[in-house]
Amino acid sequence: MRHFRHGPHRKLPTEIFHEHCAIAGAIEAGDPDEAERAAVTNWRNATVRFEAVMRTWGERGNWEANGTQSGNGRKGS
């Protein structure tokens, strides 16, 4: 648990980090109901975050922004 709360995951956006800490904390406390609630909250929030990314970048990303052609993911192809 110490590594999770103080390790490299600290670079996650704050909201996501706190959601994951809530899940891990509930597991550490032996509270499966709270762990499930925290996980469901994280999944629902992740869906909202993902929707925002999809709205901005589209389902295949923004190929023009990174120099690719025809959406195949290869530069200059």
C-alpha atoms as a PDB file:
ATOM      1  CA  MET A   1       0.000   0.000   0.000  1.00  0.00           C
ATOM      2  CA  ARG A   2       2.812   2.399   0.786  1.00  0.00           C
ATOM      3  CA  HIS A   3       4.202   2.093  -2.753  1.00  0.00           C
ATOM      4  CA  PHE A   4       0.775   2.780  -4.261  1.00  0.00           C
ATOM      5  CA  ARG A   5       0.172   5.908  -2.236  1.00  0.00           C
ATOM      6  CA  HIS A   6       3.695   7.276  -2.486  1.00  0.00           C
ATOM      7  CA  GLY A   7       5.138   5.659  -5.613  1.00  0.00           C
ATOM      8  CA  PRO A   8       5.180   6.605  -9.283  1.00  0.00           C
ATOM      9  CA  HIS A   9       1.382   6.548  -9.472  1.00  0.00           C
ATOM     10  CA  ARG A  10       1.471   9.959  -7.791  1.00  0.00           C
ATOM     11  CA  LYS A  11       1.738  11.442 -11.303  1.00  0.00           C
ATOM     12  CA  LEU A  12      -1.852  10.446 -12.119  1.00  0.00           C
ATOM     13  CA  PRO A  13      -4.289  13.338 -12.257  1.00  0.00           C
ATOM     14  CA  THR A  14      -5.404  14.087  -8.704  1.00  0.00           C
ATOM     15  CA  GLU A  15      -8.998  12.945  -9.171  1.00  0.00           C
ATOM     16  CA  ILE A  16      -7.929   9.562 -10.550  1.00  0.00           C
ATOM     17  CA  PHE A  17      -5.289   9.133  -7.870  1.00  0.00           C
ATOM     18  CA  HIS A  18      -7.852   9.736  -5.117  1.00  0.00           C
ATOM     19  CA  GLU A  19     -10.313   7.338  -6.730  1.00  0.00           C
ATOM     20  CA  HIS A  20      -7.662   4.615  -6.802  1.00  0.00           C
ATOM     21  CA  CYS A  21      -6.647   5.370  -3.214  1.00  0.00           C
ATOM     22  CA  ALA A  22     -10.284   4.948  -2.158  1.00  0.00           C
ATOM     23  CA  ILE A  23     -10.407   1.515  -3.818  1.00  0.00           C
ATOM     24  CA  ALA A  24      -7.092   0.413  -2.331  1.00  0.00           C
ATOM     25  CA  GLY A  25      -7.960   1.826   1.092  1.00  0.00           C
ATOM     26  CA  ALA A  26     -11.240  -0.087   1.197  1.00  0.00           C
ATOM     27  CA  ILE A  27      -9.462  -3.299   0.205  1.00  0.00           C
ATOM     28  CA  GLU A  28      -6.777  -2.685   2.820  1.00  0.00           C
ATOM     29  CA  ALA A  29      -9.512  -2.081   5.429  1.00  0.00           C
ATOM     30  CA  GLY A  30     -11.231  -5.325   4.466  1.00  0.00           C
ATOM     31  CA  ASP A  31     -14.413  -3.573   3.345  1.00  0.00           C
ATOM     32  CA  PRO A  32     -15.550  -5.253   0.107  1.00  0.00           C
ATOM     33  CA  ASP A  33     -18.760  -3.223  -0.153  1.00  0.00           C
ATOM     34  CA  GLU A  34     -16.864   0.069   0.010  1.00  0.00           C
ATOM     35  CA  ALA A  35     -14.237  -1.271  -2.403  1.00  0.00           C
ATOM     36  CA  GLU A  36     -16.993  -2.083  -4.878  1.00  0.00           C
ATOM     37  CA  ARG A  37     -18.617   1.336  -4.455  1.00  0.00           C
ATOM     38  CA  ALA A  38     -15.270   3.048  -4.968  1.00  0.00           C
ATOM     39  CA  ALA A  39     -14.526   0.934  -8.053  1.00  0.00           C
ATOM     40  CA  VAL A  40     -17.926   1.677  -9.582  1.00  0.00           C
ATOM     41  CA  THR A  41     -17.397   5.389  -8.925  1.00  0.00           C
ATOM     42  CA  ASN A  42     -14.007   5.171 -10.643  1.00  0.00           C
ATOM     43  CA  TRP A  43     -15.480   3.324 -13.642  1.00  0.00           C
ATOM     44  CA  ARG A  44     -18.294   5.830 -14.023  1.00  0.00           C
ATOM     45  CA  ASN A  45     -15.905   8.757 -13.785  1.00  0.00           C
ATOM     46  CA  ALA A  46     -13.537   7.043 -16.235  1.00  0.00           C
ATOM     47  CA  THR A  47     -16.415   6.758 -18.694  1.00  0.00           C
ATOM     48  CA  VAL A  48     -17.040  10.507 -18.459  1.00  0.00           C
ATOM     49  CA  ARG A  49     -13.308  11.212 -18.930  1.00  0.00           C
ATOM     50  CA  PHE A  50     -13.117   8.819 -21.885  1.00  0.00           C
ATOM     51  CA  GLU A  51     -16.181  10.397 -23.489  1.00  0.00           C
ATOM     52  CA  ALA A  52     -14.465  13.785 -23.320  1.00  0.00           C
ATOM     53  CA  VAL A  53     -11.354  12.365 -25.020  1.00  0.00           C
ATOM     54  CA  MET A  54     -13.463  10.758 -27.736  1.00  0.00           C
ATOM     55  CA  ARG A  55     -15.345  14.012 -28.311  1.00  0.00           C
ATOM     56  CA  THR A  56     -12.047  15.848 -28.704  1.00  0.00           C
ATOM     57  CA  TRP A  57      -9.961  13.307 -30.645  1.00  0.00           C
ATOM     58  CA  GLY A  58     -12.495  10.938 -32.220  1.00  0.00           C
ATOM     59  CA  GLU A  59     -12.385   7.182 -32.177  1.00  0.00           C
ATOM     60  CA  ARG A  60      -9.204   6.924 -34.261  1.00  0.00           C
ATOM     61  CA  GLY A  61      -7.403   9.927 -32.854  1.00  0.00           C
ATOM     62  CA  ASN A  62      -6.345  13.043 -34.654  1.00  0.00           C
ATOM     63  CA  TRP A  63      -4.104  11.678 -37.373  1.00  0.00           C
ATOM     64  CA  GLU A  64      -3.484  15.052 -38.979  1.00  0.00           C
ATOM     65  CA  ALA A  65      -2.143  16.427 -35.701  1.00  0.00           C
ATOM     66  CA  ASN A  66       0.630  13.823 -35.521  1.00  0.00           C
ATOM     67  CA  GLY A  67       1.641  13.800 -39.179  1.00  0.00           C
ATOM     68  CA  THR A  68       0.036  10.553 -40.319  1.00  0.00           C
ATOM     69  CA  GLN A  69      -2.085  10.046 -43.372  1.00  0.00           C
ATOM     70  CA  SER A  70      -5.237   8.022 -44.022  1.00  0.00           C
ATOM     71  CA  GLY A  71      -5.578   7.027 -40.378  1.00  0.00           C
ATOM     72  CA  ASN A  72      -3.246   4.022 -40.575  1.00  0.00           C
ATOM     73  CA  GLY A  73      -1.030   5.232 -37.737  1.00  0.00           C
ATOM     74  CA  ARG A  74       2.148   5.299 -39.853  1.00  0.00           C
ATOM     75  CA  LYS A  75       3.914   8.546 -40.580  1.00  0.00           C
ATOM     76  CA  GLY A  76       4.107   9.414 -44.238  1.00  0.00           C
ATOM     77  CA  SER A  77       2.283   6.259 -45.387  1.00  0.00           C
END
